Amino acid sequence: MAHYAKVVNGIVEKVIVAEAGFFDTFVDSSPGEWVQTSYNTRGNVHYAADNTTPDDGTPLRKNFAGIGFNYDGVGFYEPQPFPSWIKNSTTYLWEPPTLLPNDGKFYNWNETNKAWDEVTATKDE
């Protein structure tokens, strides 16, 4: 079984699981195309069945497709989360202009300042 994404005007509308032979007889007269996607591909890396361990498999179309994802004929990628974020041309993942601090604290992206704001707990939390 494999996963296939229905892409219409560069946007994924649905994702299904089917045998490859299904498309030999399947008739779909609606606009768009069906494109195979791999559940085990993320960031242009293929992962083992546990989906956490990279393996020697060939990544398929950069990322597993999700509804609302974009497809440019090369790979699938999420909609841009913020105007300042740039799509990595290798991984097809969005990257902020400033790296997320790696200090164990929680942060939210501040698009106005183009920086990470630390999330602080309030008394009610």
PDB file of N, CA and C in Angstrom:
ATOM      1  N   MET A   1       0.847  -1.183   0.000  1.00  0.00           N
ATOM      2  CA  MET A   1       0.000   0.000   0.000  1.00  0.00           C
ATOM      3  C   MET A   1       0.887   1.240   0.000  1.00  0.00           C
ATOM      4  N   ALA A   2       0.385   2.255  -0.643  1.00  0.00           N
ATOM      5  CA  ALA A   2       1.118   3.514  -0.733  1.00  0.00           C
ATOM      6  C   ALA A   2       0.140   4.663  -0.501  1.00  0.00           C
ATOM      7  N   HIS A   3       0.686   5.833  -0.258  1.00  0.00           N
ATOM      8  CA  HIS A   3      -0.118   7.041  -0.061  1.00  0.00           C
ATOM      9  C   HIS A   3      -0.068   7.879  -1.331  1.00  0.00           C
ATOM     10  N   TYR A   4      -1.201   8.491  -1.647  1.00  0.00           N
ATOM     11  CA  TYR A   4      -1.299   9.354  -2.818  1.00  0.00           C
ATOM     12  C   TYR A   4      -2.025  10.633  -2.428  1.00  0.00           C
ATOM     13  N   ALA A   5      -1.518  11.745  -2.946  1.00  0.00           N
ATOM     14  CA  ALA A   5      -2.118  13.051  -2.669  1.00  0.00           C
ATOM     15  C   ALA A   5      -2.819  13.554  -3.931  1.00  0.00           C
ATOM     16  N   LYS A   6      -4.033  14.073  -3.766  1.00  0.00           N
ATOM     17  CA  LYS A   6      -4.739  14.714  -4.875  1.00  0.00           C
ATOM     18  C   LYS A   6      -4.335  16.182  -4.841  1.00  0.00           C
ATOM     19  N   VAL A   7      -3.666  16.628  -5.912  1.00  0.00           N
ATOM     20  CA  VAL A   7      -3.145  17.988  -5.993  1.00  0.00           C
ATOM     21  C   VAL A   7      -3.933  18.752  -7.045  1.00  0.00           C
ATOM     22  N   VAL A   8      -4.498  19.872  -6.627  1.00  0.00           N
ATOM     23  CA  VAL A   8      -5.243  20.742  -7.531  1.00  0.00           C
ATOM     24  C   VAL A   8      -4.636  22.137  -7.439  1.00  0.00           C
ATOM     25  N   ASN A   9      -4.156  22.630  -8.568  1.00  0.00           N
ATOM     26  CA  ASN A   9      -3.525  23.949  -8.620  1.00  0.00           C
ATOM     27  C   ASN A   9      -2.423  24.107  -7.576  1.00  0.00           C
ATOM     28  N   GLY A  10      -1.635  23.056  -7.387  1.00  0.00           N
ATOM     29  CA  GLY A  10      -0.492  23.114  -6.482  1.00  0.00           C
ATOM     30  C   GLY A  10      -0.810  22.925  -5.017  1.00  0.00           C
ATOM     31  N   ILE A  11      -2.080  22.629  -4.674  1.00  0.00           N
ATOM     32  CA  ILE A  11      -2.478  22.452  -3.278  1.00  0.00           C
ATOM     33  C   ILE A  11      -3.039  21.041  -3.076  1.00  0.00           C
ATOM     34  N   VAL A  12      -2.610  20.380  -2.002  1.00  0.00           N
ATOM     35  CA  VAL A  12      -3.107  19.044  -1.680  1.00  0.00           C
ATOM     36  C   VAL A  12      -4.522  19.159  -1.123  1.00  0.00           C
ATOM     37  N   GLU A  13      -5.459  18.462  -1.777  1.00  0.00           N
ATOM     38  CA  GLU A  13      -6.856  18.471  -1.328  1.00  0.00           C
ATOM     39  C   GLU A  13      -7.220  17.255  -0.503  1.00  0.00           C
ATOM     40  N   LYS A  14      -6.565  16.113  -0.764  1.00  0.00           N
ATOM     41  CA  LYS A  14      -6.825  14.907   0.020  1.00  0.00           C
ATOM     42  C   LYS A  14      -5.652  13.968  -0.121  1.00  0.00           C
ATOM     43  N   VAL A  15      -5.538  13.047   0.823  1.00  0.00           N
ATOM     44  CA  VAL A  15      -4.502  12.020   0.804  1.00  0.00           C
ATOM     45  C   VAL A  15      -5.197  10.686   1.056  1.00  0.00           C
ATOM     46  N   ILE A  16      -4.885   9.695   0.210  1.00  0.00           N
ATOM     47  CA  ILE A  16      -5.499   8.377   0.357  1.00  0.00           C
ATOM     48  C   ILE A  16      -4.418   7.307   0.413  1.00  0.00           C
ATOM     49  N   VAL A  17      -4.813   6.120   0.864  1.00  0.00           N
ATOM     50  CA  VAL A  17      -3.957   4.938   0.840  1.00  0.00           C
ATOM     51  C   VAL A  17      -4.534   4.000  -0.204  1.00  0.00           C
ATOM     52  N   ALA A  18      -3.695   3.511  -1.120  1.00  0.00           N
ATOM     53  CA  ALA A  18      -4.174   2.625  -2.184  1.00  0.00           C
ATOM     54  C   ALA A  18      -3.033   1.781  -2.723  1.00  0.00           C
ATOM     55  N   GLU A  19      -3.396   0.689  -3.343  1.00  0.00           N
ATOM     56  CA  GLU A  19      -2.429  -0.112  -4.083  1.00  0.00           C
ATOM     57  C   GLU A  19      -2.079   0.648  -5.358  1.00  0.00           C
ATOM     58  N   ALA A  20      -0.852   0.516  -5.838  1.00  0.00           N
ATOM     59  CA  ALA A  20      -0.442   1.202  -7.063  1.00  0.00           C
ATOM     60  C   ALA A  20      -1.354   0.836  -8.226  1.00  0.00           C
ATOM     61  N   GLY A  21      -1.785  -0.415  -8.298  1.00  0.00           N
ATOM     62  CA  GLY A  21      -2.661  -0.863  -9.382  1.00  0.00           C
ATOM     63  C   GLY A  21      -4.034  -0.212  -9.368  1.00  0.00           C
ATOM     64  N   PHE A  22      -4.419   0.358  -8.238  1.00  0.00           N
ATOM     65  CA  PHE A  22      -5.713   1.041  -8.132  1.00  0.00           C
ATOM     66  C   PHE A  22      -5.857   2.098  -9.213  1.00  0.00           C
ATOM     67  N   PHE A  23      -4.770   2.788  -9.515  1.00  0.00           N
ATOM     68  CA  PHE A  23      -4.823   3.877 -10.484  1.00  0.00           C
ATOM     69  C   PHE A  23      -4.849   3.378 -11.933  1.00  0.00           C
ATOM     70  N   ASP A  24      -4.649   2.055 -12.122  1.00  0.00           N
ATOM     71  CA  ASP A  24      -4.756   1.496 -13.473  1.00  0.00           C
ATOM     72  C   ASP A  24      -6.202   1.506 -13.961  1.00  0.00           C
ATOM     73  N   THR A  25      -7.147   1.402 -13.031  1.00  0.00           N
ATOM     74  CA  THR A  25      -8.562   1.348 -13.410  1.00  0.00           C
ATOM     75  C   THR A  25      -9.385   2.495 -12.834  1.00  0.00           C
ATOM     76  N   PHE A  26      -8.825   3.244 -11.921  1.00  0.00           N
ATOM     77  CA  PHE A  26      -9.547   4.341 -11.279  1.00  0.00           C
ATOM     78  C   PHE A  26      -9.779   5.471 -12.271  1.00  0.00           C
ATOM     79  N   VAL A  27     -11.008   5.940 -12.343  1.00  0.00           N
ATOM     80  CA  VAL A  27     -11.343   7.044 -13.227  1.00  0.00           C
ATOM     81  C   VAL A  27     -11.673   8.250 -12.356  1.00  0.00           C
ATOM     82  N   ASP A  28     -10.930   9.305 -12.537  1.00  0.00           N
ATOM     83  CA  ASP A  28     -11.142  10.540 -11.782  1.00  0.00           C
ATOM     84  C   ASP A  28     -11.179  11.679 -12.784  1.00  0.00           C
ATOM     85  N   SER A  29     -12.351  12.166 -13.066  1.00  0.00           N
ATOM     86  CA  SER A  29     -12.487  13.231 -14.063  1.00  0.00           C
ATOM     87  C   SER A  29     -12.409  14.627 -13.444  1.00  0.00           C
ATOM     88  N   SER A  30     -12.210  14.696 -12.134  1.00  0.00           N
ATOM     89  CA  SER A  30     -12.101  16.006 -11.490  1.00  0.00           C
ATOM     90  C   SER A  30     -10.730  16.605 -11.782  1.00  0.00           C
ATOM     91  N   PRO A  31     -10.609  17.922 -11.682  1.00  0.00           N
ATOM     92  CA  PRO A  31      -9.314  18.568 -11.952  1.00  0.00           C
ATOM     93  C   PRO A  31      -8.236  18.102 -10.983  1.00  0.00           C
ATOM     94  N   GLY A  32      -6.999  18.192 -11.424  1.00  0.00           N
ATOM     95  CA  GLY A  32      -5.871  17.872 -10.565  1.00  0.00           C
ATOM     96  C   GLY A  32      -5.207  16.572 -10.953  1.00  0.00           C
ATOM     97  N   GLU A  33      -4.206  16.203 -10.150  1.00  0.00           N
ATOM     98  CA  GLU A  33      -3.463  14.976 -10.399  1.00  0.00           C
ATOM     99  C   GLU A  33      -3.218  14.255  -9.085  1.00  0.00           C
ATOM    100  N   TRP A  34      -3.036  12.922  -9.185  1.00  0.00           N
ATOM    101  CA  TRP A  34      -2.678  12.111  -8.033  1.00  0.00           C
ATOM    102  C   TRP A  34      -1.172  11.939  -8.030  1.00  0.00           C
ATOM    103  N   VAL A  35      -0.536  12.241  -6.895  1.00  0.00           N
ATOM    104  CA  VAL A  35       0.922  12.176  -6.774  1.00  0.00           C
ATOM    105  C   VAL A  35       1.254  11.296  -5.569  1.00  0.00           C
ATOM    106  N   GLN A  36       2.138  10.325  -5.769  1.00  0.00           N
ATOM    107  CA  GLN A  36       2.529   9.458  -4.660  1.00  0.00           C
ATOM    108  C   GLN A  36       3.329  10.250  -3.636  1.00  0.00           C
ATOM    109  N   THR A  37       3.104   9.931  -2.372  1.00  0.00           N
ATOM    110  CA  THR A  37       3.803  10.564  -1.265  1.00  0.00           C
ATOM    111  C   THR A  37       4.210   9.477  -0.279  1.00  0.00           C
ATOM    112  N   SER A  38       5.241   9.704   0.494  1.00  0.00           N
ATOM    113  CA  SER A  38       5.740   8.685   1.408  1.00  0.00           C
ATOM    114  C   SER A  38       5.547   9.104   2.855  1.00  0.00           C
ATOM    115  N   TYR A  39       4.842   8.265   3.590  1.00  0.00           N
ATOM    116  CA  TYR A  39       4.610   8.492   5.012  1.00  0.00           C
ATOM    117  C   TYR A  39       5.930   8.551   5.781  1.00  0.00           C
ATOM    118  N   ASN A  40       6.964   7.922   5.245  1.00  0.00           N
ATOM    119  CA  ASN A  40       8.250   7.838   5.931  1.00  0.00           C
ATOM    120  C   ASN A  40       9.238   8.918   5.487  1.00  0.00           C
ATOM    121  N   THR A  41       8.783   9.922   4.739  1.00  0.00           N
ATOM    122  CA  THR A  41       9.679  10.985   4.294  1.00  0.00           C
ATOM    123  C   THR A  41       9.346  12.280   5.024  1.00  0.00           C
ATOM    124  N   ARG A  42      10.397  12.882   5.599  1.00  0.00           N
ATOM    125  CA  ARG A  42      10.237  14.160   6.314  1.00  0.00           C
ATOM    126  C   ARG A  42      11.555  14.919   6.208  1.00  0.00           C
ATOM    127  N   GLY A  43      11.503  16.147   5.743  1.00  0.00           N
ATOM    128  CA  GLY A  43      12.710  16.961   5.630  1.00  0.00           C
ATOM    129  C   GLY A  43      13.711  16.396   4.650  1.00  0.00           C
ATOM    130  N   ASN A  44      13.199  15.722   3.611  1.00  0.00           N
ATOM    131  CA  ASN A  44      14.014  15.089   2.572  1.00  0.00           C
ATOM    132  C   ASN A  44      14.889  13.961   3.124  1.00  0.00           C
ATOM    133  N   VAL A  45      14.405  13.312   4.192  1.00  0.00           N
ATOM    134  CA  VAL A  45      15.064  12.158   4.776  1.00  0.00           C
ATOM    135  C   VAL A  45      14.036  11.032   4.852  1.00  0.00           C
ATOM    136  N   HIS A  46      14.443   9.810   4.513  1.00  0.00           N
ATOM    137  CA  HIS A  46      13.564   8.654   4.634  1.00  0.00           C
ATOM    138  C   HIS A  46      13.797   8.019   5.998  1.00  0.00           C
ATOM    139  N   TYR A  47      12.712   7.683   6.695  1.00  0.00           N
ATOM    140  CA  TYR A  47      12.788   7.104   8.036  1.00  0.00           C
ATOM    141  C   TYR A  47      12.321   5.659   8.030  1.00  0.00           C
ATOM    142  N   ALA A  48      12.832   4.887   8.983  1.00  0.00           N
ATOM    143  CA  ALA A  48      12.420   3.496   9.167  1.00  0.00           C
ATOM    144  C   ALA A  48      10.962   3.463   9.610  1.00  0.00           C
ATOM    145  N   ALA A  49      10.408   2.268   9.717  1.00  0.00           N
ATOM    146  CA  ALA A  49       8.996   2.098  10.061  1.00  0.00           C
ATOM    147  C   ALA A  49       8.621   2.765  11.383  1.00  0.00           C
ATOM    148  N   ASP A  50       9.588   2.924  12.304  1.00  0.00           N
ATOM    149  CA  ASP A  50       9.285   3.596  13.579  1.00  0.00           C
ATOM    150  C   ASP A  50       9.124   5.105  13.406  1.00  0.00           C
ATOM    151  N   ASN A  51       9.435   5.616  12.203  1.00  0.00           N
ATOM    152  CA  ASN A  51       9.299   7.023  11.831  1.00  0.00           C
ATOM    153  C   ASN A  51      10.158   7.963  12.684  1.00  0.00           C
ATOM    154  N   THR A  52      11.174   7.423  13.349  1.00  0.00           N
ATOM    155  CA  THR A  52      12.095   8.261  14.123  1.00  0.00           C
ATOM    156  C   THR A  52      13.552   8.015  13.747  1.00  0.00           C
ATOM    157  N   THR A  53      13.841   6.869  13.123  1.00  0.00           N
ATOM    158  CA  THR A  53      15.212   6.499  12.791  1.00  0.00           C
ATOM    159  C   THR A  53      15.463   6.648  11.294  1.00  0.00           C
ATOM    160  N   PRO A  54      16.348   7.559  10.892  1.00  0.00           N
ATOM    161  CA  PRO A  54      16.670   7.658   9.462  1.00  0.00           C
ATOM    162  C   PRO A  54      17.240   6.337   8.957  1.00  0.00           C
ATOM    163  N   ASP A  55      16.887   5.979   7.717  1.00  0.00           N
ATOM    164  CA  ASP A  55      17.436   4.759   7.136  1.00  0.00           C
ATOM    165  C   ASP A  55      17.984   5.059   5.742  1.00  0.00           C
ATOM    166  N   ASP A  56      18.347   4.031   5.017  1.00  0.00           N
ATOM    167  CA  ASP A  56      18.943   4.201   3.695  1.00  0.00           C
ATOM    168  C   ASP A  56      17.911   4.325   2.584  1.00  0.00           C
ATOM    169  N   GLY A  57      16.632   4.341   2.925  1.00  0.00           N
ATOM    170  CA  GLY A  57      15.591   4.453   1.907  1.00  0.00           C
ATOM    171  C   GLY A  57      15.670   5.789   1.187  1.00  0.00           C
ATOM    172  N   THR A  58      15.122   5.821  -0.002  1.00  0.00           N
ATOM    173  CA  THR A  58      15.119   7.042  -0.801  1.00  0.00           C
ATOM    174  C   THR A  58      13.938   7.921  -0.399  1.00  0.00           C
ATOM    175  N   PRO A  59      14.175   9.165   0.006  1.00  0.00           N
ATOM    176  CA  PRO A  59      13.055  10.058   0.337  1.00  0.00           C
ATOM    177  C   PRO A  59      12.241  10.361  -0.919  1.00  0.00           C
ATOM    178  N   LEU A  60      10.940  10.474  -0.750  1.00  0.00           N
ATOM    179  CA  LEU A  60      10.043  10.729  -1.877  1.00  0.00           C
ATOM    180  C   LEU A  60       9.386  12.095  -1.724  1.00  0.00           C
ATOM    181  N   ARG A  61       9.681  12.988  -2.610  1.00  0.00           N
ATOM    182  CA  ARG A  61       9.072  14.317  -2.714  1.00  0.00           C
ATOM    183  C   ARG A  61       9.193  15.149  -1.434  1.00  0.00           C
ATOM    184  N   LYS A  62      10.365  15.060  -0.817  1.00  0.00           N
ATOM    185  CA  LYS A  62      10.803  15.927   0.292  1.00  0.00           C
ATOM    186  C   LYS A  62      10.072  15.695   1.614  1.00  0.00           C
ATOM    187  N   ASN A  63       8.719  15.659   1.590  1.00  0.00           N
ATOM    188  CA  ASN A  63       7.915  15.505   2.800  1.00  0.00           C
ATOM    189  C   ASN A  63       6.646  14.732   2.486  1.00  0.00           C
ATOM    190  N   PHE A  64       6.093  14.090   3.516  1.00  0.00           N
ATOM    191  CA  PHE A  64       4.783  13.454   3.367  1.00  0.00           C
ATOM    192  C   PHE A  64       3.747  14.563   3.165  1.00  0.00           C
ATOM    193  N   ALA A  65       2.864  14.362   2.212  1.00  0.00           N
ATOM    194  CA  ALA A  65       1.851  15.376   1.909  1.00  0.00           C
ATOM    195  C   ALA A  65       0.771  15.421   2.979  1.00  0.00           C
ATOM    196  N   GLY A  66       0.288  16.606   3.240  1.00  0.00           N
ATOM    197  CA  GLY A  66      -0.840  16.798   4.132  1.00  0.00           C
ATOM    198  C   GLY A  66      -1.857  17.696   3.453  1.00  0.00           C
ATOM    199  N   ILE A  67      -3.088  17.603   3.864  1.00  0.00           N
ATOM    200  CA  ILE A  67      -4.128  18.454   3.281  1.00  0.00           C
ATOM    201  C   ILE A  67      -3.748  19.908   3.509  1.00  0.00           C
ATOM    202  N   GLY A  68      -3.804  20.691   2.436  1.00  0.00           N
ATOM    203  CA  GLY A  68      -3.434  22.102   2.501  1.00  0.00           C
ATOM    204  C   GLY A  68      -1.970  22.357   2.186  1.00  0.00           C
ATOM    205  N   PHE A  69      -1.166  21.297   2.074  1.00  0.00           N
ATOM    206  CA  PHE A  69       0.240  21.466   1.707  1.00  0.00           C
ATOM    207  C   PHE A  69       0.341  21.935   0.257  1.00  0.00           C
ATOM    208  N   ASN A  70       1.471  22.508  -0.067  1.00  0.00           N
ATOM    209  CA  ASN A  70       1.787  22.913  -1.437  1.00  0.00           C
ATOM    210  C   ASN A  70       2.567  21.798  -2.113  1.00  0.00           C
ATOM    211  N   TYR A  71       2.456  21.735  -3.444  1.00  0.00           N
ATOM    212  CA  TYR A  71       3.259  20.820  -4.242  1.00  0.00           C
ATOM    213  C   TYR A  71       3.716  21.577  -5.475  1.00  0.00           C
ATOM    214  N   ASP A  72       5.033  21.609  -5.702  1.00  0.00           N
ATOM    215  CA  ASP A  72       5.586  22.391  -6.812  1.00  0.00           C
ATOM    216  C   ASP A  72       6.143  21.536  -7.943  1.00  0.00           C
ATOM    217  N   GLY A  73       5.776  20.259  -7.957  1.00  0.00           N
ATOM    218  CA  GLY A  73       6.300  19.353  -8.968  1.00  0.00           C
ATOM    219  C   GLY A  73       7.560  18.646  -8.519  1.00  0.00           C
ATOM    220  N   VAL A  74       8.175  19.127  -7.452  1.00  0.00           N
ATOM    221  CA  VAL A  74       9.380  18.504  -6.896  1.00  0.00           C
ATOM    222  C   VAL A  74       9.068  17.908  -5.525  1.00  0.00           C
ATOM    223  N   GLY A  75       8.449  18.699  -4.656  1.00  0.00           N
ATOM    224  CA  GLY A  75       8.191  18.240  -3.304  1.00  0.00           C
ATOM    225  C   GLY A  75       6.981  18.886  -2.672  1.00  0.00           C
ATOM    226  N   PHE A  76       6.573  18.299  -1.552  1.00  0.00           N
ATOM    227  CA  PHE A  76       5.456  18.809  -0.753  1.00  0.00           C
ATOM    228  C   PHE A  76       6.008  19.664   0.380  1.00  0.00           C
ATOM    229  N   TYR A  77       5.294  20.727   0.710  1.00  0.00           N
ATOM    230  CA  TYR A  77       5.694  21.563   1.836  1.00  0.00           C
ATOM    231  C   TYR A  77       4.477  22.281   2.401  1.00  0.00           C
ATOM    232  N   GLU A  78       4.556  22.564   3.698  1.00  0.00           N
ATOM    233  CA  GLU A  78       3.459  23.237   4.398  1.00  0.00           C
ATOM    234  C   GLU A  78       3.312  24.673   3.906  1.00  0.00           C
ATOM    235  N   PRO A  79       2.140  25.280   4.136  1.00  0.00           N
ATOM    236  CA  PRO A  79       2.013  26.707   3.839  1.00  0.00           C
ATOM    237  C   PRO A  79       3.002  27.504   4.690  1.00  0.00           C
ATOM    238  N   GLN A  80       3.443  28.621   4.175  1.00  0.00           N
ATOM    239  CA  GLN A  80       4.415  29.448   4.883  1.00  0.00           C
ATOM    240  C   GLN A  80       3.806  29.958   6.187  1.00  0.00           C
ATOM    241  N   PRO A  81       4.450  29.661   7.348  1.00  0.00           N
ATOM    242  CA  PRO A  81       3.859  30.054   8.628  1.00  0.00           C
ATOM    243  C   PRO A  81       3.933  31.557   8.914  1.00  0.00           C
ATOM    244  N   PHE A  82       5.001  32.199   8.451  1.00  0.00           N
ATOM    245  CA  PHE A  82       5.186  33.638   8.650  1.00  0.00           C
ATOM    246  C   PHE A  82       5.879  34.206   7.419  1.00  0.00           C
ATOM    247  N   PRO A  83       5.580  35.454   7.051  1.00  0.00           N
ATOM    248  CA  PRO A  83       6.195  36.032   5.850  1.00  0.00           C
ATOM    249  C   PRO A  83       7.720  36.059   5.864  1.00  0.00           C
ATOM    250  N   SER A  84       8.335  36.138   7.035  1.00  0.00           N
ATOM    251  CA  SER A  84       9.792  36.240   7.104  1.00  0.00           C
ATOM    252  C   SER A  84      10.500  34.876   7.004  1.00  0.00           C
ATOM    253  N   TRP A  85       9.766  33.783   7.122  1.00  0.00           N
ATOM    254  CA  TRP A  85      10.388  32.465   7.101  1.00  0.00           C
ATOM    255  C   TRP A  85      10.704  32.065   5.668  1.00  0.00           C
ATOM    256  N   ILE A  86      11.808  31.363   5.500  1.00  0.00           N
ATOM    257  CA  ILE A  86      12.310  30.969   4.183  1.00  0.00           C
ATOM    258  C   ILE A  86      12.251  29.447   4.050  1.00  0.00           C
ATOM    259  N   LYS A  87      11.791  28.977   2.880  1.00  0.00           N
ATOM    260  CA  LYS A  87      11.748  27.535   2.632  1.00  0.00           C
ATOM    261  C   LYS A  87      13.150  27.037   2.291  1.00  0.00           C
ATOM    262  N   ASN A  88      13.603  26.046   3.033  1.00  0.00           N
ATOM    263  CA  ASN A  88      14.898  25.419   2.767  1.00  0.00           C
ATOM    264  C   ASN A  88      14.766  24.622   1.471  1.00  0.00           C
ATOM    265  N   SER A  89      15.635  24.877   0.505  1.00  0.00           N
ATOM    266  CA  SER A  89      15.511  24.251  -0.805  1.00  0.00           C
ATOM    267  C   SER A  89      15.888  22.768  -0.800  1.00  0.00           C
ATOM    268  N   THR A  90      16.522  22.292   0.248  1.00  0.00           N
ATOM    269  CA  THR A  90      16.867  20.875   0.350  1.00  0.00           C
ATOM    270  C   THR A  90      15.806  20.093   1.110  1.00  0.00           C
ATOM    271  N   THR A  91      15.387  20.614   2.264  1.00  0.00           N
ATOM    272  CA  THR A  91      14.442  19.899   3.120  1.00  0.00           C
ATOM    273  C   THR A  91      12.982  20.224   2.818  1.00  0.00           C
ATOM    274  N   TYR A  92      12.745  21.366   2.187  1.00  0.00           N
ATOM    275  CA  TYR A  92      11.394  21.876   1.948  1.00  0.00           C
ATOM    276  C   TYR A  92      10.659  22.135   3.276  1.00  0.00           C
ATOM    277  N   LEU A  93      11.415  22.476   4.305  1.00  0.00           N
ATOM    278  CA  LEU A  93      10.853  22.899   5.582  1.00  0.00           C
ATOM    279  C   LEU A  93      11.084  24.391   5.735  1.00  0.00           C
ATOM    280  N   TRP A  94      10.180  25.070   6.429  1.00  0.00           N
ATOM    281  CA  TRP A  94      10.303  26.515   6.641  1.00  0.00           C
ATOM    282  C   TRP A  94      11.259  26.782   7.789  1.00  0.00           C
ATOM    283  N   GLU A  95      12.117  27.777   7.610  1.00  0.00           N
ATOM    284  CA  GLU A  95      13.090  28.131   8.639  1.00  0.00           C
ATOM    285  C   GLU A  95      12.960  29.606   8.991  1.00  0.00           C
ATOM    286  N   PRO A  96      12.976  29.905  10.289  1.00  0.00           N
ATOM    287  CA  PRO A  96      12.897  31.300  10.713  1.00  0.00           C
ATOM    288  C   PRO A  96      14.226  32.005  10.438  1.00  0.00           C
ATOM    289  N   PRO A  97      14.200  33.335  10.320  1.00  0.00           N
ATOM    290  CA  PRO A  97      15.448  34.063  10.095  1.00  0.00           C
ATOM    291  C   PRO A  97      16.373  34.041  11.307  1.00  0.00           C
ATOM    292  N   THR A  98      15.828  33.721  12.480  1.00  0.00           N
ATOM    293  CA  THR A  98      16.608  33.601  13.712  1.00  0.00           C
ATOM    294  C   THR A  98      16.332  32.223  14.297  1.00  0.00           C
ATOM    295  N   LEU A  99      17.378  31.482  14.620  1.00  0.00           N
ATOM    296  CA  LEU A  99      17.198  30.138  15.162  1.00  0.00           C
ATOM    297  C   LEU A  99      16.497  30.152  16.517  1.00  0.00           C
ATOM    298  N   LEU A 100      15.684  29.145  16.750  1.00  0.00           N
ATOM    299  CA  LEU A 100      15.017  28.957  18.030  1.00  0.00           C
ATOM    300  C   LEU A 100      16.070  28.669  19.097  1.00  0.00           C
ATOM    301  N   PRO A 101      16.055  29.387  20.221  1.00  0.00           N
ATOM    302  CA  PRO A 101      17.022  29.105  21.282  1.00  0.00           C
ATOM    303  C   PRO A 101      16.896  27.657  21.771  1.00  0.00           C
ATOM    304  N   ASN A 102      18.013  27.070  22.109  1.00  0.00           N
ATOM    305  CA  ASN A 102      18.048  25.688  22.579  1.00  0.00           C
ATOM    306  C   ASN A 102      18.423  25.683  24.057  1.00  0.00           C
ATOM    307  N   ASP A 103      17.546  26.275  24.879  1.00  0.00           N
ATOM    308  CA  ASP A 103      17.854  26.401  26.299  1.00  0.00           C
ATOM    309  C   ASP A 103      16.797  25.759  27.197  1.00  0.00           C
ATOM    310  N   GLY A 104      15.903  24.960  26.589  1.00  0.00           N
ATOM    311  CA  GLY A 104      14.887  24.271  27.378  1.00  0.00           C
ATOM    312  C   GLY A 104      13.675  25.111  27.716  1.00  0.00           C
ATOM    313  N   LYS A 105      13.670  26.377  27.332  1.00  0.00           N
ATOM    314  CA  LYS A 105      12.530  27.253  27.594  1.00  0.00           C
ATOM    315  C   LYS A 105      11.561  27.180  26.412  1.00  0.00           C
ATOM    316  N   PHE A 106      10.372  27.753  26.593  1.00  0.00           N
ATOM    317  CA  PHE A 106       9.360  27.779  25.539  1.00  0.00           C
ATOM    318  C   PHE A 106       9.316  29.159  24.902  1.00  0.00           C
ATOM    319  N   TYR A 107       9.133  29.165  23.571  1.00  0.00           N
ATOM    320  CA  TYR A 107       9.131  30.412  22.826  1.00  0.00           C
ATOM    321  C   TYR A 107       8.021  30.428  21.787  1.00  0.00           C
ATOM    322  N   ASN A 108       7.565  31.629  21.464  1.00  0.00           N
ATOM    323  CA  ASN A 108       6.667  31.867  20.341  1.00  0.00           C
ATOM    324  C   ASN A 108       7.366  32.812  19.379  1.00  0.00           C
ATOM    325  N   TRP A 109       7.082  32.640  18.095  1.00  0.00           N
ATOM    326  CA  TRP A 109       7.670  33.508  17.095  1.00  0.00           C
ATOM    327  C   TRP A 109       6.966  34.859  17.088  1.00  0.00           C
ATOM    328  N   ASN A 110       7.721  35.945  17.089  1.00  0.00           N
ATOM    329  CA  ASN A 110       7.198  37.307  17.011  1.00  0.00           C
ATOM    330  C   ASN A 110       7.553  37.845  15.629  1.00  0.00           C
ATOM    331  N   GLU A 111       6.579  37.877  14.735  1.00  0.00           N
ATOM    332  CA  GLU A 111       6.838  38.299  13.356  1.00  0.00           C
ATOM    333  C   GLU A 111       7.184  39.784  13.275  1.00  0.00           C
ATOM    334  N   THR A 112       6.622  40.601  14.151  1.00  0.00           N
ATOM    335  CA  THR A 112       6.914  42.035  14.131  1.00  0.00           C
ATOM    336  C   THR A 112       8.392  42.294  14.389  1.00  0.00           C
ATOM    337  N   ASN A 113       8.932  41.626  15.404  1.00  0.00           N
ATOM    338  CA  ASN A 113      10.337  41.813  15.768  1.00  0.00           C
ATOM    339  C   ASN A 113      11.270  40.820  15.083  1.00  0.00           C
ATOM    340  N   LYS A 114      10.688  39.838  14.390  1.00  0.00           N
ATOM    341  CA  LYS A 114      11.465  38.774  13.740  1.00  0.00           C
ATOM    342  C   LYS A 114      12.395  38.105  14.753  1.00  0.00           C
ATOM    343  N   ALA A 115      11.795  37.741  15.899  1.00  0.00           N
ATOM    344  CA  ALA A 115      12.569  37.140  16.987  1.00  0.00           C
ATOM    345  C   ALA A 115      11.676  36.206  17.797  1.00  0.00           C
ATOM    346  N   TRP A 116      12.320  35.394  18.605  1.00  0.00           N
ATOM    347  CA  TRP A 116      11.599  34.484  19.489  1.00  0.00           C
ATOM    348  C   TRP A 116      11.323  35.161  20.822  1.00  0.00           C
ATOM    349  N   ASP A 117      10.070  35.140  21.264  1.00  0.00           N
ATOM    350  CA  ASP A 117       9.684  35.675  22.565  1.00  0.00           C
ATOM    351  C   ASP A 117       9.512  34.514  23.536  1.00  0.00           C
ATOM    352  N   GLU A 118      10.165  34.607  24.671  1.00  0.00           N
ATOM    353  CA  GLU A 118      10.017  33.556  25.669  1.00  0.00           C
ATOM    354  C   GLU A 118       8.601  33.550  26.218  1.00  0.00           C
ATOM    355  N   VAL A 119       8.043  32.373  26.369  1.00  0.00           N
ATOM    356  CA  VAL A 119       6.701  32.200  26.933  1.00  0.00           C
ATOM    357  C   VAL A 119       6.866  32.047  28.433  1.00  0.00           C
ATOM    358  N   THR A 120       6.197  32.896  29.176  1.00  0.00           N
ATOM    359  CA  THR A 120       6.279  32.811  30.635  1.00  0.00           C
ATOM    360  C   THR A 120       4.915  32.388  31.159  1.00  0.00           C
ATOM    361  N   ALA A 121       4.927  31.573  32.182  1.00  0.00           N
ATOM    362  CA  ALA A 121       3.685  31.111  32.793  1.00  0.00           C
ATOM    363  C   ALA A 121       3.046  32.233  33.594  1.00  0.00           C
ATOM    364  N   THR A 122       1.729  32.267  33.541  1.00  0.00           N
ATOM    365  CA  THR A 122       0.991  33.244  34.362  1.00  0.00           C
ATOM    366  C   THR A 122       0.569  32.561  35.647  1.00  0.00           C
ATOM    367  N   LYS A 123       0.105  33.340  36.594  1.00  0.00           N
ATOM    368  CA  LYS A 123      -0.292  32.807  37.903  1.00  0.00           C
ATOM    369  C   LYS A 123      -1.414  31.800  37.786  1.00  0.00           C
ATOM    370  N   ASP A 124      -2.327  31.960  36.801  1.00  0.00           N
ATOM    371  CA  ASP A 124      -3.476  31.076  36.643  1.00  0.00           C
ATOM    372  C   ASP A 124      -3.115  29.751  35.989  1.00  0.00           C
ATOM    373  N   GLU A 125      -1.936  29.610  35.442  1.00  0.00           N
ATOM    374  CA  GLU A 125      -1.581  28.379  34.714  1.00  0.00           C
ATOM    375  C   GLU A 125      -1.032  27.321  35.610  1.00  0.00           C
TER     376      GLU A 125
END
